[in-house]
């Protein structure tokens, strides 16, 4: 059985500009701790951005 993957309803998480082609292909790209180039592209594209370099994460409770 052959499966066809389409960008509809797909998410992809990345921190690197090397993944730009896939981020641009999927329905919901998310950048996590992006490198400077990826941060700029994400800002221009309006992509969701997560920064996990700080602790505690906003809203995190033990």
N, C-alpha and C. Protein backbone atom coordinates (compact mmCIF):
# COMPACT_ATOMS: atom_id res chain seq x y z
N UNK A 1 0.85 -1.17 0.00
CA UNK A 1 0.00 0.00 0.00
C UNK A 1 0.89 1.24 0.00
N UNK A 2 0.62 2.15 -0.87
CA UNK A 2 1.40 3.38 -0.98
C UNK A 2 0.68 4.52 -0.25
N UNK A 3 1.43 5.29 0.52
CA UNK A 3 0.87 6.42 1.25
C UNK A 3 1.38 7.71 0.64
N UNK A 4 0.48 8.63 0.46
CA UNK A 4 0.87 9.94 -0.04
C UNK A 4 0.83 10.92 1.12
N UNK A 5 1.93 11.62 1.33
CA UNK A 5 1.99 12.61 2.39
C UNK A 5 1.75 13.98 1.79
N UNK A 6 0.80 14.68 2.37
CA UNK A 6 0.50 16.03 1.92
C UNK A 6 0.75 17.00 3.08
N UNK A 7 0.95 18.27 2.77
CA UNK A 7 1.24 19.23 3.84
C UNK A 7 0.03 19.57 4.69
N UNK A 8 -1.15 19.20 4.26
CA UNK A 8 -2.36 19.52 5.00
C UNK A 8 -2.36 18.83 6.36
N UNK A 9 -2.60 19.60 7.40
CA UNK A 9 -2.69 19.08 8.76
C UNK A 9 -1.39 18.46 9.26
N UNK A 10 -0.27 18.98 8.81
CA UNK A 10 1.02 18.50 9.29
C UNK A 10 1.75 19.62 10.02
N UNK A 11 2.52 19.22 11.02
CA UNK A 11 3.35 20.16 11.78
C UNK A 11 4.80 19.72 11.66
N UNK A 12 5.69 20.68 11.72
CA UNK A 12 7.11 20.36 11.72
C UNK A 12 7.81 21.35 12.63
N UNK A 13 8.68 20.85 13.48
CA UNK A 13 9.43 21.66 14.43
C UNK A 13 10.90 21.65 14.03
N UNK A 14 11.55 22.81 14.08
CA UNK A 14 12.96 22.85 13.73
C UNK A 14 13.65 24.02 14.41
N UNK A 15 14.98 23.90 14.51
CA UNK A 15 15.80 24.99 15.04
C UNK A 15 16.83 25.47 14.03
N UNK A 16 16.78 24.94 12.81
CA UNK A 16 17.85 25.20 11.85
C UNK A 16 17.34 25.65 10.49
N UNK A 17 18.08 26.57 9.90
CA UNK A 17 17.77 27.03 8.54
C UNK A 17 17.85 25.90 7.53
N UNK A 18 18.56 24.82 7.88
CA UNK A 18 18.68 23.68 6.97
C UNK A 18 17.33 23.02 6.69
N UNK A 19 16.36 23.25 7.57
CA UNK A 19 15.03 22.65 7.42
C UNK A 19 14.02 23.59 6.76
N UNK A 20 14.48 24.71 6.23
CA UNK A 20 13.55 25.66 5.61
C UNK A 20 12.65 25.04 4.54
N UNK A 21 13.16 24.20 3.64
CA UNK A 21 12.26 23.62 2.63
C UNK A 21 11.09 22.86 3.25
N UNK A 22 11.35 22.09 4.29
CA UNK A 22 10.27 21.33 4.92
C UNK A 22 9.34 22.26 5.71
N UNK A 23 9.90 23.23 6.40
CA UNK A 23 9.07 24.20 7.13
C UNK A 23 8.13 24.94 6.18
N UNK A 24 8.61 25.25 4.99
CA UNK A 24 7.78 25.95 4.01
C UNK A 24 6.75 25.04 3.37
N UNK A 25 6.94 23.73 3.47
CA UNK A 25 6.04 22.76 2.85
C UNK A 25 4.85 22.41 3.73
N UNK A 26 5.07 22.34 5.05
CA UNK A 26 4.01 21.86 5.94
C UNK A 26 2.96 22.93 6.21
N UNK A 27 1.86 22.47 6.76
CA UNK A 27 0.73 23.34 7.09
C UNK A 27 1.01 24.21 8.31
N UNK A 28 1.75 23.67 9.27
CA UNK A 28 1.97 24.39 10.53
C UNK A 28 3.45 24.31 10.95
N UNK A 29 4.29 25.22 10.44
CA UNK A 29 5.69 25.22 10.83
C UNK A 29 5.87 25.89 12.19
N UNK A 30 6.75 25.32 13.01
CA UNK A 30 7.06 25.88 14.33
C UNK A 30 8.58 25.89 14.48
N UNK A 31 9.14 27.03 14.84
CA UNK A 31 10.57 27.09 15.07
C UNK A 31 10.83 27.11 16.57
N UNK A 32 11.85 26.34 16.97
CA UNK A 32 12.19 26.20 18.38
C UNK A 32 13.66 26.59 18.55
N UNK A 33 13.91 27.60 19.39
CA UNK A 33 15.28 28.09 19.59
C UNK A 33 15.98 28.27 18.24
N UNK A 34 15.39 29.04 17.33
CA UNK A 34 15.92 29.10 15.97
C UNK A 34 17.28 29.77 15.87
N UNK A 35 18.05 29.34 14.87
CA UNK A 35 19.28 30.04 14.55
C UNK A 35 18.90 31.41 13.98
N UNK A 36 19.82 32.36 13.87
CA UNK A 36 19.46 33.72 13.44
C UNK A 36 18.77 33.79 12.08
N UNK A 37 19.22 33.02 11.13
CA UNK A 37 18.58 33.04 9.81
C UNK A 37 17.15 32.52 9.89
N UNK A 38 16.95 31.41 10.57
CA UNK A 38 15.62 30.85 10.71
C UNK A 38 14.70 31.79 11.50
N UNK A 39 15.24 32.45 12.51
CA UNK A 39 14.44 33.40 13.28
C UNK A 39 13.92 34.52 12.39
N UNK A 40 14.76 35.01 11.50
CA UNK A 40 14.36 36.09 10.59
C UNK A 40 13.28 35.62 9.62
N UNK A 41 13.46 34.45 9.04
CA UNK A 41 12.46 33.91 8.11
C UNK A 41 11.15 33.67 8.84
N UNK A 42 11.22 33.09 10.02
CA UNK A 42 10.00 32.82 10.80
C UNK A 42 9.24 34.10 11.10
N UNK A 43 9.98 35.15 11.43
CA UNK A 43 9.35 36.43 11.70
C UNK A 43 8.65 36.97 10.45
N UNK A 44 9.32 36.90 9.33
CA UNK A 44 8.73 37.38 8.07
C UNK A 44 7.51 36.56 7.65
N UNK A 45 7.57 35.25 7.90
CA UNK A 45 6.48 34.35 7.50
C UNK A 45 5.34 34.29 8.51
N UNK A 46 5.58 34.80 9.72
CA UNK A 46 4.55 34.75 10.76
C UNK A 46 4.41 33.39 11.41
N UNK A 47 5.49 32.59 11.41
CA UNK A 47 5.45 31.26 12.00
C UNK A 47 5.53 31.33 13.51
N UNK A 48 4.95 30.35 14.15
CA UNK A 48 5.02 30.25 15.60
C UNK A 48 6.48 30.02 16.01
N UNK A 49 6.88 30.69 17.09
CA UNK A 49 8.26 30.57 17.56
C UNK A 49 8.26 30.24 19.05
N UNK A 50 9.01 29.22 19.42
CA UNK A 50 9.15 28.82 20.81
C UNK A 50 10.59 29.00 21.24
N UNK A 51 10.79 29.54 22.43
CA UNK A 51 12.14 29.69 22.96
C UNK A 51 12.22 28.91 24.26
N UNK A 52 12.94 27.80 24.22
CA UNK A 52 13.09 26.94 25.40
C UNK A 52 14.46 27.09 26.04
N UNK A 53 15.17 28.16 25.69
CA UNK A 53 16.50 28.37 26.26
C UNK A 53 16.44 28.96 27.66
N UNK A 54 15.29 29.48 28.03
CA UNK A 54 15.15 30.07 29.36
C UNK A 54 14.40 29.10 30.26
N UNK A 55 14.73 29.14 31.53
CA UNK A 55 14.05 28.28 32.50
C UNK A 55 13.70 29.11 33.70
N UNK A 56 12.53 28.98 34.26
CA UNK A 56 11.49 28.05 33.83
C UNK A 56 10.75 28.58 32.61
N UNK A 57 10.13 27.68 31.91
CA UNK A 57 9.32 28.07 30.77
C UNK A 57 8.12 28.86 31.26
N UNK A 58 7.69 29.88 30.47
CA UNK A 58 6.52 30.65 30.89
C UNK A 58 5.31 29.74 31.14
N UNK A 59 4.66 29.92 32.25
CA UNK A 59 3.47 29.15 32.59
C UNK A 59 3.77 27.78 33.20
N UNK A 60 5.05 27.43 33.34
CA UNK A 60 5.40 26.12 33.88
C UNK A 60 5.31 26.15 35.40
N UNK A 61 4.65 25.13 35.95
CA UNK A 61 4.54 25.01 37.40
C UNK A 61 4.81 23.57 37.78
N UNK A 62 5.50 23.38 38.88
CA UNK A 62 5.71 22.02 39.39
C UNK A 62 4.56 21.62 40.28
